[in-house]
Every structure is written in C-alpha cells, then in structure tokens.
Amino acid sequence: PMHAGLLLLPGLTAAVVGSLLATRLVRRFAMASLLGVALAV
C-alpha cells in the first residue's frame, strides 16, 4: 500500500499545483480556452 501510494503521489501533487497555477493563468488566458485545454490534458 505504501509503495502504491507513493506512485500516485505525483498525480495528486499535480492537482495541487494545477489549482494554484490556475490563479495566475486565468489572468492571462480566456476561461473557455484554459478550461478546454485542462480537460483535454
């Protein structure tokens, strides 16, 4: 279980980074474009 959790940690950390990064990206890009790219990723 511990090993499995560590392997998923980068993805869950990426979600934290994505939330914080979006506060800056939303000032420069249209919401429609930013949301579309995020969902496509």
Full PDB file with SEQRES, HELIX, SHEET, SSBOND, CRYST1, ORIGX, SCALE, CONECT and MASTER records, all heavy atoms in Angstrom:
SEQRES   1 A   41  PRO MET HIS ALA GLY LEU LEU LEU LEU PRO GLY LEU THR          
SEQRES   2 A   41  ALA ALA VAL VAL GLY SER LEU LEU ALA THR ARG LEU VAL          
SEQRES   3 A   41  ARG ARG PHE ALA MET ALA SER LEU LEU GLY VAL ALA LEU          
SEQRES   4 A   41  ALA VAL                                                      
HELIX    1 AA1 MET A    2  LEU A   25  1                                  24    
HELIX    2 AA2 MET A   31  ALA A   40  1                                  10    
CRYST1    1.000    1.000    1.000  90.00  90.00  90.00 P 1           1          
ORIGX1      1.000000  0.000000  0.000000        0.00000                         
ORIGX2      0.000000  1.000000  0.000000        0.00000                         
ORIGX3      0.000000  0.000000  1.000000        0.00000                         
SCALE1      1.000000  0.000000  0.000000        0.00000                         
SCALE2      0.000000  1.000000  0.000000        0.00000                         
SCALE3      0.000000  0.000000  1.000000        0.00000                         
ATOM      1  N   PRO A   1       0.807  -1.236   0.000  1.00  0.00           N  
ATOM      2  CA  PRO A   1       0.000   0.000   0.000  1.00  0.00           C  
ATOM      3  C   PRO A   1       0.834   1.277   0.000  1.00  0.00           C  
ATOM      4  O   PRO A   1       0.512   2.225  -0.712  1.00  0.00           O  
ATOM      5  CB  PRO A   1      -0.832  -0.131   1.287  1.00  0.00           C  
ATOM      6  CG  PRO A   1      -0.947  -1.601   1.501  1.00  0.00           C  
ATOM      7  CD  PRO A   1       0.352  -2.185   1.024  1.00  0.00           C  
ATOM      8  N   MET A   2       1.905   1.305   0.800  1.00  0.00           N  
ATOM      9  CA  MET A   2       2.746   2.500   0.856  1.00  0.00           C  
ATOM     10  C   MET A   2       3.401   2.790  -0.496  1.00  0.00           C  
ATOM     11  O   MET A   2       3.439   3.930  -0.957  1.00  0.00           O  
ATOM     12  CB  MET A   2       3.820   2.329   1.927  1.00  0.00           C  
ATOM     13  CG  MET A   2       4.775   3.499   2.050  1.00  0.00           C  
ATOM     14  SD  MET A   2       4.005   4.959   2.783  1.00  0.00           S  
ATOM     15  CE  MET A   2       4.095   4.524   4.524  1.00  0.00           C  
ATOM     16  N   HIS A   3       3.909   1.752  -1.142  1.00  0.00           N  
ATOM     17  CA  HIS A   3       4.546   1.916  -2.437  1.00  0.00           C  
ATOM     18  C   HIS A   3       3.539   2.396  -3.476  1.00  0.00           C  
ATOM     19  O   HIS A   3       3.828   3.287  -4.288  1.00  0.00           O  
ATOM     20  CB  HIS A   3       5.186   0.592  -2.873  1.00  0.00           C  
ATOM     21  CG  HIS A   3       6.069   0.715  -4.075  1.00  0.00           C  
ATOM     22  ND1 HIS A   3       6.595  -0.376  -4.741  1.00  0.00           N  
ATOM     23  CD2 HIS A   3       6.513   1.815  -4.758  1.00  0.00           C  
ATOM     24  CE1 HIS A   3       7.323   0.055  -5.757  1.00  0.00           C  
ATOM     25  NE2 HIS A   3       7.290   1.370  -5.797  1.00  0.00           N  
ATOM     26  N   ALA A   4       2.356   1.809  -3.453  1.00  0.00           N  
ATOM     27  CA  ALA A   4       1.316   2.220  -4.396  1.00  0.00           C  
ATOM     28  C   ALA A   4       0.936   3.679  -4.179  1.00  0.00           C  
ATOM     29  O   ALA A   4       0.740   4.435  -5.140  1.00  0.00           O  
ATOM     30  CB  ALA A   4       0.087   1.327  -4.229  1.00  0.00           C  
ATOM     31  N   GLY A   5       0.846   4.099  -2.915  1.00  0.00           N  
ATOM     32  CA  GLY A   5       0.522   5.485  -2.622  1.00  0.00           C  
ATOM     33  C   GLY A   5       1.575   6.451  -3.121  1.00  0.00           C  
ATOM     34  O   GLY A   5       1.261   7.525  -3.645  1.00  0.00           O  
ATOM     35  N   LEU A   6       2.836   6.080  -2.992  1.00  0.00           N  
ATOM     36  CA  LEU A   6       3.927   6.940  -3.466  1.00  0.00           C  
ATOM     37  C   LEU A   6       3.902   7.092  -4.986  1.00  0.00           C  
ATOM     38  O   LEU A   6       4.235   8.156  -5.517  1.00  0.00           O  
ATOM     39  CB  LEU A   6       5.268   6.372  -3.015  1.00  0.00           C  
ATOM     40  CG  LEU A   6       5.565   6.482  -1.514  1.00  0.00           C  
ATOM     41  CD1 LEU A   6       6.841   5.730  -1.168  1.00  0.00           C  
ATOM     42  CD2 LEU A   6       5.657   7.941  -1.077  1.00  0.00           C  
ATOM     43  N   LEU A   7       3.500   6.044  -5.705  1.00  0.00           N  
ATOM     44  CA  LEU A   7       3.432   6.126  -7.160  1.00  0.00           C  
ATOM     45  C   LEU A   7       2.321   7.061  -7.625  1.00  0.00           C  
ATOM     46  O   LEU A   7       2.413   7.664  -8.695  1.00  0.00           O  
ATOM     47  CB  LEU A   7       3.223   4.729  -7.751  1.00  0.00           C  
ATOM     48  CG  LEU A   7       4.461   3.820  -7.758  1.00  0.00           C  
ATOM     49  CD1 LEU A   7       4.083   2.429  -8.226  1.00  0.00           C  
ATOM     50  CD2 LEU A   7       5.546   4.393  -8.662  1.00  0.00           C  
ATOM     51  N   LEU A   8       1.255   7.171  -6.833  1.00  0.00           N  
ATOM     52  CA  LEU A   8       0.154   8.066  -7.193  1.00  0.00           C  
ATOM     53  C   LEU A   8       0.378   9.487  -6.683  1.00  0.00           C  
ATOM     54  O   LEU A   8      -0.345  10.408  -7.072  1.00  0.00           O  
ATOM     55  CB  LEU A   8      -1.167   7.527  -6.633  1.00  0.00           C  
ATOM     56  CG  LEU A   8      -1.663   6.213  -7.238  1.00  0.00           C  
ATOM     57  CD1 LEU A   8      -2.954   5.778  -6.576  1.00  0.00           C  
ATOM     58  CD2 LEU A   8      -1.864   6.351  -8.744  1.00  0.00           C  
ATOM     59  N   LEU A   9       1.364   9.658  -5.823  1.00  0.00           N  
ATOM     60  CA  LEU A   9       1.619  10.980  -5.237  1.00  0.00           C  
ATOM     61  C   LEU A   9       1.908  12.060  -6.277  1.00  0.00           C  
ATOM     62  O   LEU A   9       1.400  13.184  -6.153  1.00  0.00           O  
ATOM     63  CB  LEU A   9       2.768  10.879  -4.230  1.00  0.00           C  
ATOM     64  CG  LEU A   9       3.118  12.148  -3.458  1.00  0.00           C  
ATOM     65  CD1 LEU A   9       1.914  12.618  -2.651  1.00  0.00           C  
ATOM     66  CD2 LEU A   9       4.304  11.895  -2.528  1.00  0.00           C  
ATOM     67  N   PRO A  10       2.705  11.798  -7.337  1.00  0.00           N  
ATOM     68  CA  PRO A  10       2.952  12.861  -8.329  1.00  0.00           C  
ATOM     69  C   PRO A  10       1.670  13.373  -8.978  1.00  0.00           C  
ATOM     70  O   PRO A  10       1.527  14.590  -9.198  1.00  0.00           O  
ATOM     71  CB  PRO A  10       3.859  12.170  -9.359  1.00  0.00           C  
ATOM     72  CG  PRO A  10       4.546  11.093  -8.602  1.00  0.00           C  
ATOM     73  CD  PRO A  10       3.526  10.600  -7.610  1.00  0.00           C  
ATOM     74  N   GLY A  11       0.736  12.473  -9.272  1.00  0.00           N  
ATOM     75  CA  GLY A  11      -0.517  12.902  -9.893  1.00  0.00           C  
ATOM     76  C   GLY A  11      -1.362  13.746  -8.967  1.00  0.00           C  
ATOM     77  O   GLY A  11      -1.954  14.756  -9.372  1.00  0.00           O  
ATOM     78  N   LEU A  12      -1.429  13.367  -7.698  1.00  0.00           N  
ATOM     79  CA  LEU A  12      -2.223  14.124  -6.744  1.00  0.00           C  
ATOM     80  C   LEU A  12      -1.545  15.450  -6.411  1.00  0.00           C  
ATOM     81  O   LEU A  12      -2.209  16.459  -6.179  1.00  0.00           O  
ATOM     82  CB  LEU A  12      -2.427  13.274  -5.490  1.00  0.00           C  
ATOM     83  CG  LEU A  12      -3.243  12.000  -5.747  1.00  0.00           C  
ATOM     84  CD1 LEU A  12      -3.145  11.036  -4.571  1.00  0.00           C  
ATOM     85  CD2 LEU A  12      -4.689  12.324  -6.044  1.00  0.00           C  
ATOM     86  N   THR A  13      -0.217  15.454  -6.405  1.00  0.00           N  
ATOM     87  CA  THR A  13       0.511  16.711  -6.225  1.00  0.00           C  
ATOM     88  C   THR A  13       0.293  17.639  -7.420  1.00  0.00           C  
ATOM     89  O   THR A  13       0.183  18.860  -7.265  1.00  0.00           O  
ATOM     90  CB  THR A  13       2.013  16.437  -6.043  1.00  0.00           C  
ATOM     91  OG1 THR A  13       2.198  15.550  -4.934  1.00  0.00           O  
ATOM     92  CG2 THR A  13       2.777  17.726  -5.794  1.00  0.00           C  
ATOM     93  N   ALA A  14       0.226  17.054  -8.618  1.00  0.00           N  
ATOM     94  CA  ALA A  14      -0.023  17.855  -9.821  1.00  0.00           C  
ATOM     95  C   ALA A  14      -1.366  18.559  -9.740  1.00  0.00           C  
ATOM     96  O   ALA A  14      -1.528  19.674 -10.253  1.00  0.00           O  
ATOM     97  CB  ALA A  14       0.031  16.960 -11.065  1.00  0.00           C  
ATOM     98  N   ALA A  15      -2.350  17.922  -9.098  1.00  0.00           N  
ATOM     99  CA  ALA A  15      -3.653  18.564  -8.937  1.00  0.00           C  
ATOM    100  C   ALA A  15      -3.549  19.787  -8.032  1.00  0.00           C  
ATOM    101  O   ALA A  15      -4.202  20.812  -8.272  1.00  0.00           O  
ATOM    102  CB  ALA A  15      -4.659  17.561  -8.363  1.00  0.00           C  
ATOM    103  N   VAL A  16      -2.721  19.698  -6.982  1.00  0.00           N  
ATOM    104  CA  VAL A  16      -2.495  20.852  -6.106  1.00  0.00           C  
ATOM    105  C   VAL A  16      -1.829  21.980  -6.888  1.00  0.00           C  
ATOM    106  O   VAL A  16      -2.249  23.140  -6.842  1.00  0.00           O  
ATOM    107  CB  VAL A  16      -1.614  20.453  -4.903  1.00  0.00           C  
ATOM    108  CG1 VAL A  16      -1.302  21.670  -4.038  1.00  0.00           C  
ATOM    109  CG2 VAL A  16      -2.291  19.379  -4.080  1.00  0.00           C  
ATOM    110  N   VAL A  17      -0.784  21.624  -7.635  1.00  0.00           N  
ATOM    111  CA  VAL A  17      -0.059  22.622  -8.437  1.00  0.00           C  
ATOM    112  C   VAL A  17      -0.987  23.248  -9.477  1.00  0.00           C  
ATOM    113  O   VAL A  17      -0.958  24.464  -9.707  1.00  0.00           O  
ATOM    114  CB  VAL A  17       1.151  21.969  -9.126  1.00  0.00           C  
ATOM    115  CG1 VAL A  17       1.820  22.944 -10.089  1.00  0.00           C  
ATOM    116  CG2 VAL A  17       2.156  21.491  -8.086  1.00  0.00           C  
ATOM    117  N   GLY A  18      -1.829  22.410 -10.100  1.00  0.00           N  
ATOM    118  CA  GLY A  18      -2.760  22.929 -11.102  1.00  0.00           C  
ATOM    119  C   GLY A  18      -3.714  23.959 -10.531  1.00  0.00           C  
ATOM    120  O   GLY A  18      -3.976  24.994 -11.161  1.00  0.00           O  
ATOM    121  N   SER A  19      -4.239  23.701  -9.313  1.00  0.00           N  
ATOM    122  CA  SER A  19      -5.157  24.659  -8.682  1.00  0.00           C  
ATOM    123  C   SER A  19      -4.483  25.993  -8.425  1.00  0.00           C  
ATOM    124  O   SER A  19      -5.039  27.059  -8.683  1.00  0.00           O  
ATOM    125  CB  SER A  19      -5.687  24.078  -7.367  1.00  0.00           C  
ATOM    126  OG  SER A  19      -6.483  22.947  -7.596  1.00  0.00           O  
ATOM    127  N   LEU A  20      -3.262  25.939  -7.898  1.00  0.00           N  
ATOM    128  CA  LEU A  20      -2.544  27.180  -7.578  1.00  0.00           C  
ATOM    129  C   LEU A  20      -2.067  27.889  -8.843  1.00  0.00           C  
ATOM    130  O   LEU A  20      -2.105  29.120  -8.927  1.00  0.00           O  
ATOM    131  CB  LEU A  20      -1.358  26.863  -6.663  1.00  0.00           C  
ATOM    132  CG  LEU A  20      -1.726  26.235  -5.307  1.00  0.00           C  
ATOM    133  CD1 LEU A  20      -0.465  25.859  -4.537  1.00  0.00           C  
ATOM    134  CD2 LEU A  20      -2.593  27.185  -4.492  1.00  0.00           C  
ATOM    135  N   LEU A  21      -1.628  27.122  -9.831  1.00  0.00           N  
ATOM    136  CA  LEU A  21      -1.168  27.713 -11.091  1.00  0.00           C  
ATOM    137  C   LEU A  21      -2.300  28.408 -11.834  1.00  0.00           C  
ATOM    138  O   LEU A  21      -2.093  29.436 -12.496  1.00  0.00           O  
ATOM    139  CB  LEU A  21      -0.558  26.613 -11.964  1.00  0.00           C  
ATOM    140  CG  LEU A  21       0.077  27.045 -13.294  1.00  0.00           C  
ATOM    141  CD1 LEU A  21       1.255  27.977 -13.048  1.00  0.00           C  
ATOM    142  CD2 LEU A  21       0.515  25.819 -14.082  1.00  0.00           C  
ATOM    143  N   ALA A  22      -3.502  27.872 -11.708  1.00  0.00           N  
ATOM    144  CA  ALA A  22      -4.644  28.444 -12.428  1.00  0.00           C  
ATOM    145  C   ALA A  22      -4.964  29.865 -11.989  1.00  0.00           C  
ATOM    146  O   ALA A  22      -5.509  30.650 -12.768  1.00  0.00           O  
ATOM    147  CB  ALA A  22      -5.875  27.558 -12.238  1.00  0.00           C  
ATOM    148  N   THR A  23      -4.617  30.227 -10.739  1.00  0.00           N  
ATOM    149  CA  THR A  23      -4.894  31.597 -10.280  1.00  0.00           C  
ATOM    150  C   THR A  23      -4.114  32.624 -11.088  1.00  0.00           C  
ATOM    151  O   THR A  23      -4.545  33.775 -11.213  1.00  0.00           O  
ATOM    152  CB  THR A  23      -4.535  31.752  -8.786  1.00  0.00           C  
ATOM    153  OG1 THR A  23      -3.133  31.509  -8.603  1.00  0.00           O  
ATOM    154  CG2 THR A  23      -5.329  30.784  -7.940  1.00  0.00           C  
ATOM    155  N   ARG A  24      -2.960  32.226 -11.629  1.00  0.00           N  
ATOM    156  CA  ARG A  24      -2.172  33.131 -12.468  1.00  0.00           C  
ATOM    157  C   ARG A  24      -2.571  33.007 -13.938  1.00  0.00           C  
ATOM    158  O   ARG A  24      -2.661  33.997 -14.656  1.00  0.00           O  
ATOM    159  CB  ARG A  24      -0.680  32.838 -12.300  1.00  0.00           C  
ATOM    160  CG  ARG A  24      -0.159  33.182 -10.917  1.00  0.00           C  
ATOM    161  CD  ARG A  24       1.355  33.035 -10.835  1.00  0.00           C  
ATOM    162  NE  ARG A  24       1.858  33.482  -9.540  1.00  0.00           N  
ATOM    163  CZ  ARG A  24       2.174  34.730  -9.246  1.00  0.00           C  
ATOM    164  NH1 ARG A  24       2.027  35.675 -10.165  1.00  0.00           N  
ATOM    165  NH2 ARG A  24       2.626  35.056  -8.055  1.00  0.00           N  
ATOM    166  N   LEU A  25      -2.796  31.786 -14.385  1.00  0.00           N  
ATOM    167  CA  LEU A  25      -3.137  31.584 -15.793  1.00  0.00           C  
ATOM    168  C   LEU A  25      -4.443  32.266 -16.168  1.00  0.00           C  
ATOM    169  O   LEU A  25      -4.594  32.763 -17.284  1.00  0.00           O  
ATOM    170  CB  LEU A  25      -3.239  30.084 -16.085  1.00  0.00           C  
ATOM    171  CG  LEU A  25      -1.941  29.284 -15.985  1.00  0.00           C  
ATOM    172  CD1 LEU A  25      -2.219  27.802 -16.215  1.00  0.00           C  
ATOM    173  CD2 LEU A  25      -0.911  29.793 -16.981  1.00  0.00           C  
ATOM    174  N   VAL A  26      -5.398  32.305 -15.221  1.00  0.00           N  
ATOM    175  CA  VAL A  26      -6.706  32.859 -15.526  1.00  0.00           C  
ATOM    176  C   VAL A  26      -6.655  34.360 -15.767  1.00  0.00           C  
ATOM    177  O   VAL A  26      -7.584  34.947 -16.339  1.00  0.00           O  
ATOM    178  CB  VAL A  26      -7.697  32.519 -14.392  1.00  0.00           C  
ATOM    179  CG1 VAL A  26      -7.445  33.394 -13.178  1.00  0.00           C  
ATOM    180  CG2 VAL A  26      -9.147  32.639 -14.862  1.00  0.00           C  
ATOM    181  N   ARG A  27      -5.572  35.023 -15.353  1.00  0.00           N  
ATOM    182  CA  ARG A  27      -5.424  36.454 -15.591  1.00  0.00           C  
ATOM    183  C   ARG A  27      -4.941  36.752 -17.005  1.00  0.00           C  
ATOM    184  O   ARG A  27      -5.039  37.878 -17.477  1.00  0.00           O  
ATOM    185  CB  ARG A  27      -4.431  37.058 -14.586  1.00  0.00           C  
ATOM    186  CG  ARG A  27      -4.846  36.917 -13.134  1.00  0.00           C  
ATOM    187  CD  ARG A  27      -3.769  37.460 -12.211  1.00  0.00           C  
ATOM    188  NE  ARG A  27      -4.075  37.180 -10.804  1.00  0.00           N  
ATOM    189  CZ  ARG A  27      -3.262  37.462  -9.797  1.00  0.00           C  
ATOM    190  NH1 ARG A  27      -2.100  38.053 -10.049  1.00  0.00           N  
ATOM    191  NH2 ARG A  27      -3.590  37.173  -8.562  1.00  0.00           N  
ATOM    192  N   ARG A  28      -4.401  35.730 -17.674  1.00  0.00           N  
ATOM    193  CA  ARG A  28      -3.796  35.945 -18.988  1.00  0.00           C  
ATOM    194  C   ARG A  28      -4.531  35.254 -20.122  1.00  0.00           C  
ATOM    195  O   ARG A  28      -4.371  35.640 -21.278  1.00  0.00           O  
ATOM    196  CB  ARG A  28      -2.344  35.470 -18.963  1.00  0.00           C  
ATOM    197  CG  ARG A  28      -1.497  36.129 -17.892  1.00  0.00           C  
ATOM    198  CD  ARG A  28      -0.034  35.742 -18.027  1.00  0.00           C  
ATOM    199  NE  ARG A  28       0.500  36.153 -19.328  1.00  0.00           N  
ATOM    200  CZ  ARG A  28       1.752  35.935 -19.710  1.00  0.00           C  
ATOM    201  NH1 ARG A  28       2.582  35.303 -18.906  1.00  0.00           N  
ATOM    202  NH2 ARG A  28       2.161  36.310 -20.908  1.00  0.00           N  
ATOM    203  N   PHE A  29      -5.304  34.218 -19.797  1.00  0.00           N  
ATOM    204  CA  PHE A  29      -5.968  33.450 -20.845  1.00  0.00           C  
ATOM    205  C   PHE A  29      -7.473  33.423 -20.616  1.00  0.00           C  
ATOM    206  O   PHE A  29      -7.951  33.535 -19.487  1.00  0.00           O  
ATOM    207  CB  PHE A  29      -5.426  32.021 -20.891  1.00  0.00           C  
ATOM    208  CG  PHE A  29      -3.961  31.930 -21.160  1.00  0.00           C  
ATOM    209  CD1 PHE A  29      -3.063  31.766 -20.117  1.00  0.00           C  
ATOM    210  CD2 PHE A  29      -3.475  32.028 -22.458  1.00  0.00           C  
ATOM    211  CE1 PHE A  29      -1.698  31.687 -20.349  1.00  0.00           C  
ATOM    212  CE2 PHE A  29      -2.105  31.951 -22.704  1.00  0.00           C  
ATOM    213  CZ  PHE A  29      -1.222  31.783 -21.656  1.00  0.00           C  
ATOM    214  N   ALA A  30      -8.204  33.281 -21.710  1.00  0.00           N  
ATOM    215  CA  ALA A  30      -9.659  33.188 -21.624  1.00  0.00           C  
ATOM    216  C   ALA A  30     -10.050  31.935 -20.859  1.00  0.00           C  
ATOM    217  O   ALA A  30      -9.423  30.880 -20.997  1.00  0.00           O  
ATOM    218  CB  ALA A  30     -10.266  33.152 -23.021  1.00  0.00           C  
ATOM    219  N   MET A  31     -11.099  32.041 -20.050  1.00  0.00           N  
ATOM    220  CA  MET A  31     -11.558  30.895 -19.265  1.00  0.00           C  
ATOM    221  C   MET A  31     -11.914  29.721 -20.169  1.00  0.00           C  
ATOM    222  O   MET A  31     -11.597  28.566 -19.871  1.00  0.00           O  
ATOM    223  CB  MET A  31     -12.766  31.277 -18.414  1.00  0.00           C  
ATOM    224  CG  MET A  31     -13.353  30.097 -17.630  1.00  0.00           C  
ATOM    225  SD  MET A  31     -14.838  30.520 -16.724  1.00  0.00           S  
ATOM    226  CE  MET A  31     -15.291  28.906 -16.072  1.00  0.00           C  
ATOM    227  N   ALA A  32     -12.579  29.998 -21.286  1.00  0.00           N  
ATOM    228  CA  ALA A  32     -13.001  28.928 -22.191  1.00  0.00           C  
ATOM    229  C   ALA A  32     -11.803  28.141 -22.698  1.00  0.00           C  
ATOM    230  O   ALA A  32     -11.799  26.900 -22.685  1.00  0.00           O  
ATOM    231  CB  ALA A  32     -13.785  29.517 -23.362  1.00  0.00           C  
ATOM    232  N   SER A  33     -10.762  28.832 -23.132  1.00  0.00           N  
ATOM    233  CA  SER A  33      -9.582  28.168 -23.664  1.00  0.00           C  
ATOM    234  C   SER A  33      -8.837  27.408 -22.586  1.00  0.00           C  
ATOM    235  O   SER A  33      -8.407  26.262 -22.785  1.00  0.00           O  
ATOM    236  CB  SER A  33      -8.651  29.191 -24.313  1.00  0.00           C  
ATOM    237  OG  SER A  33      -9.305  29.873 -25.364  1.00  0.00           O  
ATOM    238  N   LEU A  34      -8.683  28.040 -21.427  1.00  0.00           N  
ATOM    239  CA  LEU A  34      -7.946  27.411 -20.335  1.00  0.00           C  
ATOM    240  C   LEU A  34      -8.654  26.148 -19.843  1.00  0.00           C  
ATOM    241  O   LEU A  34      -8.022  25.113 -19.602  1.00  0.00           O  
ATOM    242  CB  LEU A  34      -7.791  28.408 -19.196  1.00  0.00           C  
ATOM    243  CG  LEU A  34      -6.774  28.086 -18.097  1.00  0.00           C  
ATOM    244  CD1 LEU A  34      -5.404  27.839 -18.684  1.00  0.00           C  
ATOM    245  CD2 LEU A  34      -6.735  29.213 -17.071  1.00  0.00           C  
ATOM    246  N   LEU A  35      -9.973  26.228 -19.722  1.00  0.00           N  
ATOM    247  CA  LEU A  35     -10.737  25.073 -19.260  1.00  0.00           C  
ATOM    248  C   LEU A  35     -10.704  23.948 -20.295  1.00  0.00           C  
ATOM    249  O   LEU A  35     -10.556  22.769 -19.947  1.00  0.00           O  
ATOM    250  CB  LEU A  35     -12.182  25.486 -18.975  1.00  0.00           C  
ATOM    251  CG  LEU A  35     -13.099  24.434 -18.346  1.00  0.00           C  
ATOM    252  CD1 LEU A  35     -12.519  23.941 -17.020  1.00  0.00           C  
ATOM    253  CD2 LEU A  35     -14.491  25.027 -18.120  1.00  0.00           C  
ATOM    254  N   GLY A  36     -10.828  24.304 -21.578  1.00  0.00           N  
ATOM    255  CA  GLY A  36     -10.786  23.295 -22.629  1.00  0.00           C  
ATOM    256  C   GLY A  36      -9.463  22.550 -22.666  1.00  0.00           C  
ATOM    257  O   GLY A  36      -9.415  21.316 -22.792  1.00  0.00           O  
ATOM    258  N   VAL A  37      -8.354  23.282 -22.524  1.00  0.00           N  
ATOM    259  CA  VAL A  37      -7.028  22.655 -22.534  1.00  0.00           C  
ATOM    260  C   VAL A  37      -6.851  21.764 -21.308  1.00  0.00           C  
ATOM    261  O   VAL A  37      -6.319  20.646 -21.399  1.00  0.00           O  
ATOM    262  CB  VAL A  37      -5.926  23.728 -22.588  1.00  0.00           C  
ATOM    263  CG1 VAL A  37      -4.553  23.101 -22.347  1.00  0.00           C  
ATOM    264  CG2 VAL A  37      -5.948  24.451 -23.923  1.00  0.00           C  
ATOM    265  N   ALA A  38      -7.307  22.235 -20.144  1.00  0.00           N  
ATOM    266  CA  ALA A  38      -7.169  21.454 -18.914  1.00  0.00           C  
ATOM    267  C   ALA A  38      -7.895  20.114 -19.027  1.00  0.00           C  
ATOM    268  O   ALA A  38      -7.364  19.060 -18.654  1.00  0.00           O  
ATOM    269  CB  ALA A  38      -7.701  22.249 -17.724  1.00  0.00           C  
ATOM    270  N   LEU A  39      -9.115  20.141 -19.541  1.00  0.00           N  
ATOM    271  CA  LEU A  39      -9.894  18.904 -19.685  1.00  0.00           C  
ATOM    272  C   LEU A  39      -9.273  17.986 -20.733  1.00  0.00           C  
ATOM    273  O   LEU A  39      -9.296  16.754 -20.584  1.00  0.00           O  
ATOM    274  CB  LEU A  39     -11.337  19.234 -20.057  1.00  0.00           C  
ATOM    275  CG  LEU A  39     -12.132  19.995 -18.997  1.00  0.00           C  
ATOM    276  CD1 LEU A  39     -13.504  20.372 -19.537  1.00  0.00           C  
ATOM    277  CD2 LEU A  39     -12.282  19.163 -17.728  1.00  0.00           C  
ATOM    278  N   ALA A  40      -8.713  18.570 -21.795  1.00  0.00           N  
ATOM    279  CA  ALA A  40      -8.065  17.751 -22.820  1.00  0.00           C  
ATOM    280  C   ALA A  40      -6.833  17.049 -22.265  1.00  0.00           C  
ATOM    281  O   ALA A  40      -6.566  15.881 -22.591  1.00  0.00           O  
ATOM    282  CB  ALA A  40      -7.684  18.623 -24.016  1.00  0.00           C  
ATOM    283  N   VAL A  41      -6.083  17.729 -21.409  1.00  0.00           N  
ATOM    284  CA  VAL A  41      -4.911  17.119 -20.778  1.00  0.00           C  
ATOM    285  C   VAL A  41      -5.341  15.939 -19.904  1.00  0.00           C  
ATOM    286  O   VAL A  41      -4.715  14.863 -19.922  1.00  0.00           O  
ATOM    287  CB  VAL A  41      -4.139  18.159 -19.947  1.00  0.00           C  
ATOM    288  CG1 VAL A  41      -3.092  17.489 -19.054  1.00  0.00           C  
ATOM    289  CG2 VAL A  41      -3.466  19.168 -20.861  1.00  0.00           C  
TER     290      VAL A  41                                                      
MASTER        0    0    0    2    0    0    0    6  289    1    0    4          
END                                                                             
